[in-house]
Protein backbone atom coordinates (compact mmCIF):
# COMPACT_ATOMS: atom_id res chain seq x y z
CA UNK A 1 0.00 0.06 0.17
CA UNK A 2 2.93 2.39 0.54
CA UNK A 3 4.14 1.80 -2.89
CA UNK A 4 0.56 2.78 -4.20
CA UNK A 5 0.47 5.81 -2.04
CA UNK A 6 3.96 6.91 -3.34
CA UNK A 7 3.26 6.12 -6.93
CA UNK A 8 2.16 9.76 -7.77
CA UNK A 9 4.86 11.26 -5.59
CA UNK A 10 7.58 9.16 -7.25
CA UNK A 11 6.80 9.98 -10.82
CA UNK A 12 9.23 12.68 -11.23
CA UNK A 13 11.79 11.62 -8.54
CA UNK A 14 15.31 11.35 -9.82
CA UNK A 15 16.10 8.69 -7.47
CA UNK A 16 13.21 6.60 -8.44
CA UNK A 17 14.36 3.30 -10.03
CA UNK A 18 12.32 1.51 -12.72
CA UNK A 19 11.74 -1.38 -10.37
CA UNK A 20 10.25 0.94 -7.83
CA UNK A 21 7.63 2.22 -10.28
CA UNK A 22 6.85 -1.27 -11.70
CA UNK A 23 6.45 -2.59 -8.02
CA UNK A 24 3.98 0.35 -7.37
CA UNK A 25 2.01 -0.47 -10.54
CA UNK A 26 1.87 -4.11 -9.69
CA UNK A 27 0.61 -3.40 -6.18
CA UNK A 28 -1.90 -0.94 -7.51
CA UNK A 29 -3.14 -3.58 -10.22
CA UNK A 30 -3.25 -6.37 -7.53
CA UNK A 31 -5.39 -4.24 -5.17
CA UNK A 32 -7.76 -3.31 -7.87
CA UNK A 33 -8.04 -6.92 -8.96
CA UNK A 34 -8.55 -8.15 -5.34
CA UNK A 35 -11.18 -5.35 -4.87
CA UNK A 36 -13.15 -5.97 -8.16
CA UNK A 37 -12.16 -9.23 -9.74
CA UNK A 38 -12.25 -11.57 -6.75
CA UNK A 39 -15.78 -10.59 -5.56
CA UNK A 40 -16.96 -10.81 -9.29
CA UNK A 41 -15.49 -14.24 -9.79
CA UNK A 42 -16.81 -15.40 -6.40
CA UNK A 43 -20.28 -14.12 -7.15
CA UNK A 44 -20.28 -15.67 -10.69
CA UNK A 45 -18.97 -19.08 -9.16
CA UNK A 46 -21.66 -18.88 -6.36
CA UNK A 47 -24.43 -18.09 -8.88
CA UNK A 48 -23.53 -21.05 -11.17
CA UNK A 49 -23.24 -23.27 -8.13
CA UNK A 50 -26.66 -22.18 -6.81
CA UNK A 51 -28.22 -22.97 -10.32
CA UNK A 52 -26.63 -26.40 -10.40
CA UNK A 53 -27.62 -27.31 -6.81
CA UNK A 54 -31.21 -26.00 -7.17
CA UNK A 55 -31.53 -28.19 -10.23
CA UNK A 56 -30.19 -31.06 -8.19
CA UNK A 57 -32.74 -30.16 -5.52
CA UNK A 58 -35.48 -30.27 -7.93
CA UNK A 59 -34.43 -33.56 -9.56
CA UNK A 60 -34.22 -35.13 -6.10
CA UNK A 61 -37.47 -34.07 -5.08
CA UNK A 62 -39.07 -35.48 -8.36
CA UNK A 63 -37.33 -38.88 -7.84
CA UNK A 64 -37.63 -39.54 -4.19
CA UNK A 65 -40.77 -40.01 -2.19
CA UNK A 66 -41.67 -39.90 1.39
CA UNK A 67 -43.53 -42.96 2.52
CA UNK A 68 -44.54 -44.13 6.11
CA UNK A 69 -42.95 -47.49 7.22
CA UNK A 70 -44.26 -49.68 9.90
CA UNK A 71 -41.46 -50.97 12.36
CA UNK A 72 -41.62 -54.91 12.65
CA UNK A 73 -38.77 -55.43 14.83
CA UNK A 74 -35.40 -53.72 15.97
CA UNK A 75 -32.01 -54.79 14.97
CA UNK A 76 -30.00 -55.65 18.07
CA UNK A 77 -26.52 -55.82 16.42
CA UNK A 78 -25.36 -52.31 15.47
CA UNK A 79 -23.42 -51.93 12.19
CA UNK A 80 -19.53 -51.94 12.60
CA UNK A 81 -18.47 -48.30 12.56
CA UNK A 82 -14.66 -47.66 12.69
CA UNK A 83 -15.13 -43.93 13.32
CA UNK A 84 -15.64 -43.20 17.10
CA UNK A 85 -16.75 -39.68 16.11
CA UNK A 86 -19.90 -40.78 14.80
CA UNK A 87 -21.15 -42.54 17.95
CA UNK A 88 -23.19 -39.44 18.92
CA UNK A 89 -25.07 -39.31 15.69
CA UNK A 90 -25.37 -43.24 15.88
CA UNK A 91 -26.83 -43.05 19.45
CA UNK A 92 -29.69 -40.99 18.28
CA UNK A 93 -30.83 -43.72 15.98
CA UNK A 94 -31.32 -47.34 15.60
CA UNK A 95 -31.62 -49.87 12.86
CA UNK A 96 -35.10 -51.58 12.45
CA UNK A 97 -36.72 -54.00 10.20
CA UNK A 98 -39.81 -52.27 8.61
CA UNK A 99 -42.61 -52.78 6.08
CA UNK A 100 -43.69 -49.99 3.68
CA UNK A 101 -45.71 -49.43 0.39
CA UNK A 102 -43.52 -48.15 -2.53
CA UNK A 103 -44.79 -45.46 -4.73
CA UNK A 104 -45.57 -48.01 -7.35
CA UNK A 105 -47.91 -49.76 -4.95
CA UNK A 106 -45.88 -52.86 -4.12
CA UNK A 107 -45.04 -53.82 -0.53
CA UNK A 108 -41.45 -53.68 0.56
CA UNK A 109 -39.58 -54.75 3.52
CA UNK A 110 -35.99 -54.06 4.77
CA UNK A 111 -33.72 -52.68 7.38
CA UNK A 112 -33.77 -49.07 7.73
CA UNK A 113 -32.62 -46.33 10.09
CA UNK A 114 -35.28 -44.85 12.60
CA UNK A 115 -35.40 -42.84 15.82
CA UNK A 116 -33.81 -44.50 18.87
CA UNK A 117 -37.21 -44.74 20.55
CA UNK A 118 -38.79 -46.54 17.67
CA UNK A 119 -40.52 -49.79 18.71
CA UNK A 120 -42.51 -52.61 16.96
CA UNK A 121 -45.80 -51.23 15.44
CA UNK A 122 -44.36 -47.52 15.33
CA UNK A 123 -44.90 -45.59 12.17
CA UNK A 124 -41.62 -43.89 10.83
CA UNK A 125 -41.00 -41.73 7.87
CA UNK A 126 -38.91 -43.00 5.14
CA UNK A 127 -37.60 -41.63 1.81
CA UNK A 128 -37.52 -44.01 -1.12
CA UNK A 129 -37.02 -43.96 -4.92
CA UNK A 130 -39.71 -44.77 -7.43
CA UNK A 131 -39.34 -48.50 -6.98
CA UNK A 132 -39.38 -48.31 -3.19
CA UNK A 133 -35.67 -48.72 -2.16
CA UNK A 134 -34.72 -46.56 0.76
CA UNK A 135 -32.65 -43.34 -0.27
CA UNK A 136 -31.26 -40.36 1.50
CA UNK A 137 -33.29 -37.50 2.16
CA UNK A 138 -33.28 -35.06 -0.57
CA UNK A 139 -31.60 -31.83 -0.08
CA UNK A 140 -33.67 -28.77 0.77
CA UNK A 141 -33.31 -25.41 -1.02
CA UNK A 142 -31.92 -23.59 2.14
CA UNK A 143 -29.05 -26.12 2.24
CA UNK A 144 -28.34 -25.72 -1.39
CA UNK A 145 -28.21 -21.87 -1.11
CA UNK A 146 -25.84 -22.22 1.95
CA UNK A 147 -23.51 -24.51 -0.08
CA UNK A 148 -23.70 -22.05 -2.96
CA UNK A 149 -22.69 -19.01 -0.79
CA UNK A 150 -19.79 -21.05 0.67
CA UNK A 151 -18.66 -21.96 -2.72
CA UNK A 152 -18.72 -18.43 -3.94
CA UNK A 153 -16.80 -17.20 -0.81
CA UNK A 154 -14.24 -19.89 -1.31
CA UNK A 155 -13.79 -19.05 -4.90
CA UNK A 156 -13.46 -15.41 -4.09
CA UNK A 157 -10.86 -16.11 -1.33
CA UNK A 158 -8.87 -18.39 -3.78
CA UNK A 159 -9.04 -15.65 -6.50
CA UNK A 160 -7.60 -13.05 -3.98
CA UNK A 161 -4.94 -15.31 -2.65
CA UNK A 162 -3.87 -16.29 -6.48
CA UNK A 163 -3.65 -12.42 -7.16
CA UNK A 164 -1.61 -11.92 -4.10
CA UNK A 165 0.63 -14.89 -4.92
CA UNK A 166 1.23 -13.46 -8.46
CA UNK A 167 2.02 -10.02 -6.97
CA UNK A 168 4.42 -11.59 -4.57
CA UNK A 169 6.21 -13.58 -7.38
CA UNK A 170 6.57 -10.42 -9.54
CA UNK A 171 7.88 -8.58 -6.37
CA UNK A 172 10.46 -11.43 -5.79
CA UNK A 173 11.60 -11.12 -9.34
CA UNK A 174 11.85 -7.37 -9.18
CA UNK A 175 14.03 -7.77 -5.97
CA UNK A 176 16.22 -10.24 -7.71
CA UNK A 177 16.62 -7.94 -10.74
CA UNK A 178 17.38 -5.04 -8.37
CA UNK A 179 20.17 -7.07 -6.49
CA UNK A 180 21.67 -8.09 -9.88
CA UNK A 181 21.93 -4.44 -10.96
CA UNK A 182 23.42 -3.59 -7.63
CA UNK A 183 25.94 -6.35 -8.02
CA UNK A 184 26.85 -4.95 -11.59
CA UNK A 185 27.20 -1.54 -10.30
CA UNK A 186 29.36 -2.52 -7.40
CA UNK A 187 31.51 -4.69 -9.57
CA UNK A 188 32.10 -1.64 -11.78
CA UNK A 189 32.69 0.91 -8.94
CA UNK A 190 33.56 -1.25 -5.93
CA UNK A 191 37.21 -2.31 -6.22
CA UNK A 192 38.51 1.29 -5.86
CA UNK A 193 35.63 2.67 -3.77
CA UNK A 194 36.69 4.40 -0.53
CA UNK A 195 40.33 4.23 -1.18
CA UNK A 196 42.30 7.44 -0.48
CA UNK A 197 43.62 9.15 -3.75
CA UNK A 198 41.33 6.92 -6.02
CA UNK A 199 41.13 8.48 -9.37
CA UNK A 200 43.90 11.19 -8.73
């Protein structure tokens, strides 16, 4: 930012090096791109993601149907789960054997997940596909919107980080060129520099 603030002041300074001017221009361009391009790209990505997710939500709601299943019995042996962090979610549910009527009218039976308090004879909600096979609950529009917003923010942040990374790379190259120029100037003037009577 100091380079940007000093850009106008340095325009006619006789001590200004070309690399100073280029560094200030690169900093200004990076600041403008981060302020303008990153939000634009993030907004565009978020909008495209939201359109795709809402289309997926519509497709899921068309292909998945909520039915009511009747609990026949409970499954006493829990499934093997190597991840101990899922224990809390598992404690709130239990696996039961249930009967239900598929959307096509056929009777189905199988092992499904129900609330931990479900007992034989209870009615539990169940999502199925058209043929009656249990499927995951479809995504709701609110969740799709949250995912789209997070995707947009992530793309905007990644764009800003990429611009900053390019700025730092250009700055590193400028510093390398500056040091190389100093080495050349030192090699030309350095051997006799500071000695008494030099050049007399």
